[in-house]
Amino acid sequence: MEHYSVQRFVAIVTFSFVFLGLFALLAGFGGGIRSEPVLSELLGLEEGSNNTLHIALHRKLLHRADTAIVEPNRIWGDKCSKADIVITQGPTTPLPSGIPTYTVDIMNVCVSGCDISGIHLYCGWFSSARLINPKLFKRLHYNDCLVNDGKRLVNGGSISFQYANTFLYPLSVSRVVCV
């Protein structure tokens, strides 16, 4: 009996040293080649902050720098801007083959009552396993997609379509024409 308790004690002590060594290495106490504390980066702690723990999602979403919502800086003569087009998209029921699908809504939210045409989006190499009506949305070239066949989208109007691909494409407005 005593032989098993000695083995258990040795195993616990060994595990504790391995765990503490790993923790010390991650915390930056190991004297490694990195000078900044790795554990702080992993836990999202910042120097000079109150060091509250920010829980991160297990998957990081890809964000492009040019997709931030920008409030229009209107001068009295400006009728509309590309900030008046709002794009939302979210997952929907997958195809029977298992390919994920997404619904996209493109809305004209112009507060001055303007109609907008010639709506072009940054869309990368957009493609879909589900056919999309090209009068609603089509890729012209790399990173250039046309909405509503270039025709006007009335104030308060929206266009909706679904596409199927293994990942969500980041879509953002590249240019518009105020009507």
N, C-alpha and C. Protein backbone atom coordinates (compact mmCIF):
# COMPACT_ATOMS: atom_id res chain seq x y z
N MET A 1 0.80 -1.20 0.00
CA MET A 1 0.00 0.00 0.00
C MET A 1 0.85 1.26 0.00
N GLU A 2 1.88 1.24 0.82
CA GLU A 2 2.71 2.41 0.93
C GLU A 2 3.47 2.68 -0.38
N HIS A 3 3.76 1.63 -1.13
CA HIS A 3 4.46 1.76 -2.40
C HIS A 3 3.63 2.59 -3.38
N TYR A 4 2.29 2.36 -3.42
CA TYR A 4 1.42 3.12 -4.33
C TYR A 4 1.31 4.59 -3.91
N SER A 5 1.27 4.84 -2.62
CA SER A 5 1.16 6.23 -2.18
C SER A 5 2.45 7.00 -2.49
N VAL A 6 3.62 6.35 -2.44
CA VAL A 6 4.88 6.99 -2.78
C VAL A 6 4.88 7.31 -4.27
N GLN A 7 4.42 6.36 -5.09
CA GLN A 7 4.35 6.59 -6.55
C GLN A 7 3.39 7.74 -6.86
N ARG A 8 2.27 7.76 -6.16
CA ARG A 8 1.29 8.84 -6.37
C ARG A 8 1.90 10.18 -5.99
N PHE A 9 2.61 10.21 -4.86
CA PHE A 9 3.24 11.45 -4.41
C PHE A 9 4.28 11.93 -5.43
N VAL A 10 5.11 11.03 -5.93
CA VAL A 10 6.13 11.39 -6.92
C VAL A 10 5.47 11.90 -8.20
N ALA A 11 4.38 11.27 -8.62
CA ALA A 11 3.67 11.70 -9.83
C ALA A 11 3.09 13.10 -9.64
N ILE A 12 2.50 13.36 -8.48
CA ILE A 12 1.91 14.68 -8.21
C ILE A 12 2.99 15.75 -8.19
N VAL A 13 4.10 15.47 -7.54
CA VAL A 13 5.19 16.44 -7.46
C VAL A 13 5.77 16.71 -8.85
N THR A 14 5.95 15.64 -9.63
CA THR A 14 6.48 15.80 -11.00
C THR A 14 5.53 16.64 -11.84
N PHE A 15 4.27 16.31 -11.78
CA PHE A 15 3.27 17.07 -12.54
C PHE A 15 3.26 18.54 -12.11
N SER A 16 3.37 18.78 -10.79
CA SER A 16 3.38 20.15 -10.29
C SER A 16 4.57 20.93 -10.82
N PHE A 17 5.77 20.31 -10.83
CA PHE A 17 6.94 21.00 -11.35
C PHE A 17 6.82 21.28 -12.84
N VAL A 18 6.28 20.33 -13.59
CA VAL A 18 6.10 20.55 -15.03
C VAL A 18 5.11 21.69 -15.24
N PHE A 19 4.00 21.68 -14.51
CA PHE A 19 2.99 22.72 -14.64
C PHE A 19 3.56 24.08 -14.27
N LEU A 20 4.28 24.16 -13.14
CA LEU A 20 4.87 25.43 -12.72
C LEU A 20 5.94 25.91 -13.70
N GLY A 21 6.72 24.98 -14.27
CA GLY A 21 7.72 25.35 -15.26
C GLY A 21 7.08 25.91 -16.51
N LEU A 22 6.00 25.26 -16.95
CA LEU A 22 5.28 25.75 -18.12
C LEU A 22 4.67 27.11 -17.84
N PHE A 23 4.08 27.27 -16.66
CA PHE A 23 3.50 28.56 -16.29
C PHE A 23 4.57 29.65 -16.24
N ALA A 24 5.72 29.34 -15.66
CA ALA A 24 6.81 30.32 -15.58
C ALA A 24 7.31 30.69 -16.97
N LEU A 25 7.38 29.71 -17.87
CA LEU A 25 7.82 29.99 -19.23
C LEU A 25 6.83 30.90 -19.94
N LEU A 26 5.53 30.60 -19.79
CA LEU A 26 4.51 31.44 -20.41
C LEU A 26 4.47 32.83 -19.79
N ALA A 27 4.75 32.93 -18.52
CA ALA A 27 4.69 34.22 -17.84
C ALA A 27 5.95 35.06 -18.10
N GLY A 28 6.95 34.48 -18.76
CA GLY A 28 8.14 35.25 -19.10
C GLY A 28 9.23 35.18 -18.05
N PHE A 29 9.13 34.23 -17.10
CA PHE A 29 10.14 34.14 -16.05
C PHE A 29 11.24 33.14 -16.40
N GLY A 30 11.16 32.54 -17.57
CA GLY A 30 12.10 31.49 -17.92
C GLY A 30 13.42 32.02 -18.45
N GLY A 31 13.54 33.31 -18.66
CA GLY A 31 14.79 33.85 -19.18
C GLY A 31 14.99 33.51 -20.63
N GLY A 32 13.91 33.29 -21.36
CA GLY A 32 13.99 32.94 -22.78
C GLY A 32 14.39 34.14 -23.61
N ILE A 33 14.29 33.96 -24.92
CA ILE A 33 14.72 35.03 -25.81
C ILE A 33 13.69 36.13 -25.93
N ARG A 34 12.45 35.89 -25.54
CA ARG A 34 11.43 36.93 -25.61
C ARG A 34 11.49 37.79 -24.36
N SER A 35 11.39 39.07 -24.52
CA SER A 35 11.48 39.96 -23.37
C SER A 35 10.11 40.35 -22.84
N GLU A 36 9.06 40.27 -23.68
CA GLU A 36 7.75 40.66 -23.20
C GLU A 36 7.03 39.45 -22.61
N PRO A 37 6.18 39.66 -21.62
CA PRO A 37 5.50 38.54 -20.99
C PRO A 37 4.45 37.93 -21.93
N VAL A 38 4.64 36.66 -22.22
CA VAL A 38 3.76 35.95 -23.14
C VAL A 38 2.39 35.74 -22.52
N LEU A 39 2.34 35.41 -21.24
CA LEU A 39 1.06 35.14 -20.59
C LEU A 39 0.15 36.36 -20.62
N SER A 40 0.72 37.53 -20.44
CA SER A 40 -0.08 38.75 -20.49
C SER A 40 -0.72 38.92 -21.86
N GLU A 41 0.04 38.57 -22.91
CA GLU A 41 -0.52 38.67 -24.25
C GLU A 41 -1.64 37.67 -24.45
N LEU A 42 -1.42 36.44 -23.97
CA LEU A 42 -2.44 35.40 -24.14
C LEU A 42 -3.71 35.74 -23.39
N LEU A 43 -3.58 36.35 -22.23
CA LEU A 43 -4.75 36.67 -21.42
C LEU A 43 -5.34 38.02 -21.76
N GLY A 44 -4.71 38.78 -22.63
CA GLY A 44 -5.23 40.08 -23.04
C GLY A 44 -5.00 41.17 -22.02
N LEU A 45 -3.98 41.01 -21.18
CA LEU A 45 -3.68 42.03 -20.17
C LEU A 45 -2.73 43.04 -20.77
N GLU A 46 -2.94 44.30 -20.47
CA GLU A 46 -2.11 45.36 -21.01
C GLU A 46 -1.41 46.09 -19.88
N GLU A 47 -0.21 46.58 -20.18
CA GLU A 47 0.52 47.36 -19.20
C GLU A 47 -0.20 48.67 -18.93
N GLY A 48 -0.29 49.05 -17.68
CA GLY A 48 -0.91 50.31 -17.33
C GLY A 48 -2.42 50.25 -17.26
N SER A 49 -3.01 49.10 -17.51
CA SER A 49 -4.47 49.00 -17.42
C SER A 49 -4.83 48.40 -16.08
N ASN A 50 -6.12 48.24 -15.85
CA ASN A 50 -6.54 47.65 -14.58
C ASN A 50 -6.45 46.14 -14.62
N ASN A 51 -5.90 45.58 -15.70
CA ASN A 51 -5.64 44.16 -15.86
C ASN A 51 -6.88 43.30 -15.64
N THR A 52 -8.00 43.73 -16.16
CA THR A 52 -9.17 42.86 -16.15
C THR A 52 -9.03 41.89 -17.29
N LEU A 53 -9.47 40.69 -17.08
CA LEU A 53 -9.33 39.62 -18.06
C LEU A 53 -10.42 39.75 -19.11
N HIS A 54 -10.02 39.86 -20.38
CA HIS A 54 -10.96 39.92 -21.48
C HIS A 54 -11.03 38.53 -22.11
N ILE A 55 -12.20 37.95 -22.12
CA ILE A 55 -12.36 36.63 -22.70
C ILE A 55 -12.44 36.77 -24.21
N ALA A 56 -11.59 36.06 -24.92
CA ALA A 56 -11.58 36.11 -26.38
C ALA A 56 -12.35 34.92 -26.94
N LEU A 57 -12.94 35.11 -28.08
CA LEU A 57 -13.61 34.02 -28.76
C LEU A 57 -12.57 33.00 -29.21
N HIS A 58 -12.98 31.76 -29.38
CA HIS A 58 -12.04 30.75 -29.81
C HIS A 58 -11.67 30.90 -31.27
N ARG A 59 -12.47 31.66 -32.03
CA ARG A 59 -12.17 31.95 -33.43
C ARG A 59 -12.04 33.44 -33.60
N LYS A 60 -11.00 33.86 -34.24
CA LYS A 60 -10.84 35.29 -34.51
C LYS A 60 -11.51 35.61 -35.82
N LEU A 61 -12.26 36.70 -35.85
CA LEU A 61 -12.88 37.18 -37.06
C LEU A 61 -11.91 38.08 -37.79
N LEU A 62 -11.93 37.99 -39.10
CA LEU A 62 -11.05 38.82 -39.89
C LEU A 62 -11.71 40.17 -40.13
N HIS A 63 -11.02 41.21 -39.78
CA HIS A 63 -11.54 42.56 -39.98
C HIS A 63 -10.58 43.31 -40.88
N ARG A 64 -11.13 43.98 -41.85
CA ARG A 64 -10.31 44.82 -42.71
C ARG A 64 -10.32 46.23 -42.14
N ALA A 65 -9.22 46.92 -42.33
CA ALA A 65 -9.09 48.27 -41.79
C ALA A 65 -10.10 49.22 -42.42
N ASP A 66 -10.49 48.96 -43.67
CA ASP A 66 -11.38 49.90 -44.35
C ASP A 66 -12.85 49.56 -44.14
N THR A 67 -13.20 48.64 -43.23
CA THR A 67 -14.60 48.29 -43.03
C THR A 67 -15.21 48.99 -41.83
N ALA A 68 -14.47 49.86 -41.19
CA ALA A 68 -15.02 50.58 -40.04
C ALA A 68 -16.15 51.50 -40.51
N ILE A 69 -17.19 51.60 -39.70
CA ILE A 69 -18.30 52.47 -40.04
C ILE A 69 -17.85 53.91 -39.82
N VAL A 70 -17.95 54.70 -40.85
CA VAL A 70 -17.52 56.08 -40.80
C VAL A 70 -18.74 56.97 -40.94
N GLU A 71 -18.90 57.86 -39.99
CA GLU A 71 -19.99 58.82 -40.09
C GLU A 71 -19.67 59.83 -41.17
N PRO A 72 -20.62 60.14 -42.02
CA PRO A 72 -20.33 61.10 -43.09
C PRO A 72 -20.06 62.49 -42.53
N ASN A 73 -19.09 63.15 -43.12
CA ASN A 73 -18.76 64.51 -42.75
C ASN A 73 -19.40 65.40 -43.81
N ARG A 74 -20.66 65.72 -43.62
CA ARG A 74 -21.42 66.41 -44.65
C ARG A 74 -21.25 67.93 -44.56
N ILE A 75 -21.08 68.50 -45.70
CA ILE A 75 -21.14 69.94 -45.84
C ILE A 75 -22.51 70.20 -46.43
N TRP A 76 -23.05 71.37 -46.28
CA TRP A 76 -24.44 71.62 -46.67
C TRP A 76 -24.78 71.16 -48.07
N GLY A 77 -23.84 71.21 -49.01
CA GLY A 77 -24.14 70.84 -50.39
C GLY A 77 -24.10 69.34 -50.63
N ASP A 78 -23.48 68.55 -49.72
CA ASP A 78 -23.37 67.11 -49.93
C ASP A 78 -24.72 66.43 -49.77
N LYS A 79 -25.05 65.61 -50.75
CA LYS A 79 -26.34 64.94 -50.73
C LYS A 79 -26.25 63.58 -50.06
N CYS A 80 -25.22 62.82 -50.39
CA CYS A 80 -25.08 61.48 -49.80
C CYS A 80 -23.61 61.09 -49.79
N SER A 81 -23.32 59.97 -49.18
CA SER A 81 -21.95 59.44 -49.16
C SER A 81 -22.04 57.92 -49.09
N LYS A 82 -20.90 57.27 -49.19
CA LYS A 82 -20.91 55.81 -49.14
C LYS A 82 -21.27 55.29 -47.74
N ALA A 83 -21.19 56.15 -46.72
CA ALA A 83 -21.61 55.76 -45.38
C ALA A 83 -23.12 55.59 -45.29
N ASP A 84 -23.87 56.08 -46.30
CA ASP A 84 -25.33 55.93 -46.31
C ASP A 84 -25.77 54.55 -46.75
N ILE A 85 -24.84 53.72 -47.20
CA ILE A 85 -25.14 52.34 -47.56
C ILE A 85 -24.67 51.45 -46.41
N VAL A 86 -25.60 50.70 -45.85
CA VAL A 86 -25.29 49.81 -44.73
C VAL A 86 -25.40 48.37 -45.22
N ILE A 87 -24.37 47.58 -44.94
CA ILE A 87 -24.34 46.18 -45.35
C ILE A 87 -24.34 45.31 -44.10
N THR A 88 -25.30 44.40 -44.03
CA THR A 88 -25.32 43.42 -42.94
C THR A 88 -25.35 42.04 -43.59
N GLN A 89 -24.72 41.11 -42.93
CA GLN A 89 -24.79 39.73 -43.41
C GLN A 89 -24.65 38.80 -42.23
N GLY A 90 -25.29 37.65 -42.37
CA GLY A 90 -25.25 36.66 -41.31
C GLY A 90 -25.52 35.27 -41.84
N PRO A 91 -25.18 34.26 -41.04
CA PRO A 91 -25.35 32.88 -41.49
C PRO A 91 -26.82 32.48 -41.57
N THR A 92 -27.12 31.61 -42.53
CA THR A 92 -28.45 31.02 -42.67
C THR A 92 -28.28 29.52 -42.79
N THR A 93 -29.37 28.82 -43.02
CA THR A 93 -29.34 27.35 -43.09
C THR A 93 -28.42 26.88 -44.21
N PRO A 94 -27.52 25.94 -43.93
CA PRO A 94 -26.59 25.46 -44.97
C PRO A 94 -27.33 24.72 -46.10
N LEU A 95 -26.65 24.61 -47.22
CA LEU A 95 -27.17 23.83 -48.33
C LEU A 95 -27.22 22.35 -47.93
N PRO A 96 -27.99 21.52 -48.63
CA PRO A 96 -28.01 20.09 -48.31
C PRO A 96 -26.63 19.44 -48.37
N SER A 97 -25.74 20.00 -49.17
CA SER A 97 -24.38 19.46 -49.26
C SER A 97 -23.52 19.85 -48.06
N GLY A 98 -24.06 20.74 -47.20
CA GLY A 98 -23.33 21.15 -46.01
C GLY A 98 -22.58 22.46 -46.16
N ILE A 99 -22.60 23.06 -47.34
CA ILE A 99 -21.91 24.34 -47.55
C ILE A 99 -22.68 25.43 -46.81
N PRO A 100 -22.01 26.22 -45.98
CA PRO A 100 -22.68 27.30 -45.25
C PRO A 100 -23.26 28.35 -46.20
N THR A 101 -24.38 28.94 -45.80
CA THR A 101 -24.97 30.02 -46.60
C THR A 101 -25.07 31.27 -45.74
N TYR A 102 -25.09 32.40 -46.40
CA TYR A 102 -25.15 33.69 -45.73
C TYR A 102 -26.16 34.58 -46.44
N THR A 103 -26.91 35.35 -45.68
CA THR A 103 -27.83 36.32 -46.24
C THR A 103 -27.22 37.70 -46.11
N VAL A 104 -27.25 38.45 -47.21
CA VAL A 104 -26.70 39.81 -47.25
C VAL A 104 -27.85 40.79 -47.45
N ASP A 105 -27.89 41.84 -46.65
CA ASP A 105 -28.84 42.94 -46.82
C ASP A 105 -28.03 44.20 -47.08
N ILE A 106 -28.36 44.89 -48.17
CA ILE A 106 -27.71 46.15 -48.51
C ILE A 106 -28.80 47.21 -48.49
N MET A 107 -28.67 48.19 -47.57
CA MET A 107 -29.72 49.17 -47.34
C MET A 107 -29.24 50.60 -47.59
N ASN A 108 -30.15 51.41 -48.12
CA ASN A 108 -29.90 52.84 -48.29
C ASN A 108 -30.53 53.54 -47.08
N VAL A 109 -29.70 54.06 -46.20
CA VAL A 109 -30.18 54.71 -44.98
C VAL A 109 -29.91 56.21 -44.99
N CYS A 110 -29.89 56.80 -46.17
CA CYS A 110 -29.61 58.22 -46.32
C CYS A 110 -30.64 59.04 -45.55
N VAL A 111 -30.18 59.89 -44.65
CA VAL A 111 -31.10 60.67 -43.82
C VAL A 111 -31.66 61.89 -44.54
N SER A 112 -31.00 62.29 -45.63
CA SER A 112 -31.49 63.46 -46.34
C SER A 112 -32.44 63.09 -47.48
N GLY A 113 -32.89 61.83 -47.52
CA GLY A 113 -33.88 61.40 -48.50
C GLY A 113 -33.31 61.18 -49.89
N CYS A 114 -32.06 60.81 -50.01
CA CYS A 114 -31.44 60.67 -51.33
C CYS A 114 -31.53 59.24 -51.86
N ASP A 115 -31.57 59.14 -53.16
CA ASP A 115 -31.45 57.85 -53.83
C ASP A 115 -29.99 57.69 -54.23
N ILE A 116 -29.52 56.44 -54.21
CA ILE A 116 -28.11 56.18 -54.50
C ILE A 116 -28.02 55.13 -55.59
N SER A 117 -27.18 55.37 -56.60
CA SER A 117 -26.97 54.39 -57.66
C SER A 117 -25.48 54.11 -57.79
N GLY A 118 -25.14 53.22 -58.71
CA GLY A 118 -23.73 52.91 -58.95
C GLY A 118 -23.03 52.42 -57.71
N ILE A 119 -23.68 51.56 -56.92
CA ILE A 119 -23.11 51.08 -55.66
C ILE A 119 -22.11 49.97 -55.98
N HIS A 120 -20.84 50.22 -55.65
CA HIS A 120 -19.78 49.22 -55.84
C HIS A 120 -19.26 48.83 -54.47
N LEU A 121 -18.95 47.54 -54.31
CA LEU A 121 -18.45 47.03 -53.04
C LEU A 121 -17.07 46.42 -53.22
N TYR A 122 -16.26 46.53 -52.16
CA TYR A 122 -15.05 45.72 -52.07
C TYR A 122 -15.52 44.31 -51.71
N CYS A 123 -15.12 43.31 -52.51
CA CYS A 123 -15.65 41.96 -52.27
C CYS A 123 -14.63 40.86 -52.50
N GLY A 124 -13.37 41.19 -52.74
CA GLY A 124 -12.35 40.17 -52.95
C GLY A 124 -12.67 39.31 -54.16
N TRP A 125 -12.41 38.01 -54.03
CA TRP A 125 -12.74 37.05 -55.09
C TRP A 125 -14.10 36.43 -54.80
N PHE A 126 -15.09 37.24 -54.58
CA PHE A 126 -16.42 36.75 -54.21
C PHE A 126 -16.90 35.67 -55.18
N SER A 127 -17.41 34.59 -54.61
CA SER A 127 -18.03 33.53 -55.41
C SER A 127 -19.06 32.83 -54.54
N SER A 128 -19.97 32.12 -55.21
CA SER A 128 -21.03 31.45 -54.48
C SER A 128 -21.35 30.12 -55.14
N ALA A 129 -21.61 29.11 -54.30
CA ALA A 129 -22.07 27.82 -54.80
C ALA A 129 -23.56 27.88 -55.13
N ARG A 130 -24.24 28.90 -54.68
CA ARG A 130 -25.65 29.13 -55.00
C ARG A 130 -25.72 30.29 -55.99
N LEU A 131 -26.53 30.12 -57.03
CA LEU A 131 -26.66 31.15 -58.05
C LEU A 131 -27.29 32.41 -57.47
N ILE A 132 -26.69 33.56 -57.78
CA ILE A 132 -27.21 34.86 -57.35
C ILE A 132 -27.66 35.59 -58.60
N ASN A 133 -28.84 36.21 -58.55
CA ASN A 133 -29.34 36.99 -59.67
C ASN A 133 -28.34 38.11 -59.97
N PRO A 134 -27.72 38.09 -61.16
CA PRO A 134 -26.69 39.11 -61.45
C PRO A 134 -27.25 40.53 -61.53
N LYS A 135 -28.57 40.67 -61.62
CA LYS A 135 -29.15 42.03 -61.58
C LYS A 135 -29.14 42.57 -60.16
N LEU A 136 -29.04 41.68 -59.18
CA LEU A 136 -28.96 42.11 -57.78
C LEU A 136 -27.51 42.34 -57.34
N PHE A 137 -26.64 41.38 -57.71
CA PHE A 137 -25.27 41.44 -57.21
C PHE A 137 -24.38 40.63 -58.14
N LYS A 138 -23.30 41.24 -58.59
CA LYS A 138 -22.35 40.49 -59.41
C LYS A 138 -20.94 41.04 -59.24
N ARG A 139 -19.98 40.13 -59.33
CA ARG A 139 -18.58 40.53 -59.26
C ARG A 139 -18.13 40.91 -60.65
N LEU A 140 -17.62 42.13 -60.80
CA LEU A 140 -17.12 42.60 -62.09
C LEU A 140 -15.65 42.22 -62.27
N HIS A 141 -14.87 42.48 -61.25
CA HIS A 141 -13.44 42.20 -61.24
C HIS A 141 -13.08 41.83 -59.81
N TYR A 142 -11.80 41.53 -59.61
CA TYR A 142 -11.35 41.29 -58.24
C TYR A 142 -11.63 42.53 -57.40
N ASN A 143 -12.28 42.31 -56.26
CA ASN A 143 -12.56 43.36 -55.27
C ASN A 143 -13.48 44.47 -55.81
N ASP A 144 -14.31 44.14 -56.80
CA ASP A 144 -15.26 45.12 -57.33
C ASP A 144 -16.55 44.40 -57.69
N CYS A 145 -17.56 44.58 -56.84
CA CYS A 145 -18.87 43.99 -57.08
C CYS A 145 -19.89 45.11 -57.26
N LEU A 146 -20.85 44.87 -58.15
CA LEU A 146 -21.87 45.86 -58.47
C LEU A 146 -23.20 45.44 -57.87
N VAL A 147 -23.91 46.38 -57.26
CA VAL A 147 -25.19 46.13 -56.61
C VAL A 147 -26.32 46.67 -57.48
N ASN A 148 -27.40 45.93 -57.60
CA ASN A 148 -28.63 46.36 -58.28
C ASN A 148 -28.38 46.77 -59.73
N ASP A 149 -27.44 46.08 -60.37
CA ASP A 149 -27.11 46.34 -61.77
C ASP A 149 -26.74 47.81 -62.01
N GLY A 150 -26.27 48.49 -60.96
CA GLY A 150 -25.88 49.89 -61.07
C GLY A 150 -27.04 50.86 -60.98
N LYS A 151 -28.26 50.33 -60.91
CA LYS A 151 -29.44 51.20 -60.86
C LYS A 151 -29.63 51.77 -59.47
N ARG A 152 -30.51 52.75 -59.37
CA ARG A 152 -30.71 53.45 -58.10
C ARG A 152 -31.34 52.54 -57.05
N LEU A 153 -30.91 52.76 -55.82
CA LEU A 153 -31.51 52.14 -54.65
C LEU A 153 -32.19 53.28 -53.91
N VAL A 154 -33.52 53.25 -53.88
CA VAL A 154 -34.28 54.36 -53.33
C VAL A 154 -34.03 54.52 -51.84
N ASN A 155 -34.27 55.71 -51.33
CA ASN A 155 -34.10 55.99 -49.91
C ASN A 155 -34.96 55.03 -49.09
N GLY A 156 -34.37 54.38 -48.14
CA GLY A 156 -35.07 53.42 -47.30
C GLY A 156 -35.19 52.04 -47.94
N GLY A 157 -34.74 51.90 -49.18
CA GLY A 157 -34.83 50.62 -49.88
C GLY A 157 -33.70 49.68 -49.49
N SER A 158 -33.92 48.41 -49.79
CA SER A 158 -32.88 47.42 -49.50
C SER A 158 -32.89 46.33 -50.55
N ILE A 159 -31.78 45.68 -50.69
CA ILE A 159 -31.62 44.53 -51.58
C ILE A 159 -31.08 43.40 -50.72
N SER A 160 -31.63 42.22 -50.95
CA SER A 160 -31.25 41.06 -50.15
C SER A 160 -30.95 39.90 -51.08
N PHE A 161 -29.92 39.14 -50.75
CA PHE A 161 -29.61 37.92 -51.50
C PHE A 161 -28.87 36.96 -50.59
N GLN A 162 -28.80 35.71 -51.02
CA GLN A 162 -28.07 34.68 -50.27
C GLN A 162 -26.94 34.15 -51.13
N TYR A 163 -25.83 33.83 -50.48
CA TYR A 163 -24.74 33.16 -51.17
C TYR A 163 -24.26 32.00 -50.32
N ALA A 164 -23.59 31.06 -50.97
CA ALA A 164 -23.09 29.87 -50.29
C ALA A 164 -21.60 29.75 -50.53
N ASN A 165 -20.86 29.69 -49.44
CA ASN A 165 -19.41 29.51 -49.52
C ASN A 165 -18.93 29.01 -48.17
N THR A 166 -17.72 28.50 -48.13
CA THR A 166 -17.21 27.95 -46.87
C THR A 166 -16.91 29.02 -45.84
N PHE A 167 -16.83 30.28 -46.26
CA PHE A 167 -16.58 31.36 -45.31
C PHE A 167 -17.34 32.61 -45.73
N LEU A 168 -17.51 33.50 -44.79
CA LEU A 168 -18.20 34.76 -45.02
C LEU A 168 -17.23 35.74 -45.69
N TYR A 169 -17.68 36.35 -46.77
CA TYR A 169 -16.86 37.35 -47.45
C TYR A 169 -17.06 38.71 -46.77
N PRO A 170 -15.98 39.41 -46.42
CA PRO A 170 -16.15 40.78 -45.91
C PRO A 170 -16.53 41.70 -47.07
N LEU A 171 -17.65 42.37 -46.94
CA LEU A 171 -18.15 43.28 -47.97
C LEU A 171 -18.17 44.69 -47.40
N SER A 172 -17.69 45.66 -48.17
CA SER A 172 -17.76 47.05 -47.74
C SER A 172 -17.90 47.94 -48.98
N VAL A 173 -18.46 49.12 -48.78
CA VAL A 173 -18.74 50.02 -49.89
C VAL A 173 -17.45 50.67 -50.38
N SER A 174 -17.24 50.62 -51.69
CA SER A 174 -16.06 51.28 -52.27
C SER A 174 -16.42 52.62 -52.89
N ARG A 175 -17.58 52.70 -53.57
CA ARG A 175 -17.99 53.98 -54.15
C ARG A 175 -19.48 53.95 -54.47
N VAL A 176 -20.06 55.13 -54.54
CA VAL A 176 -21.48 55.29 -54.85
C VAL A 176 -21.65 56.53 -55.72
N VAL A 177 -22.83 56.63 -56.35
CA VAL A 177 -23.19 57.82 -57.11
C VAL A 177 -24.47 58.36 -56.50
N CYS A 178 -24.45 59.61 -56.09
CA CYS A 178 -25.64 60.23 -55.52
C CYS A 178 -26.56 60.70 -56.64
N VAL A 179 -27.84 60.35 -56.51
CA VAL A 179 -28.82 60.72 -57.55
C VAL A 179 -29.68 61.86 -57.05
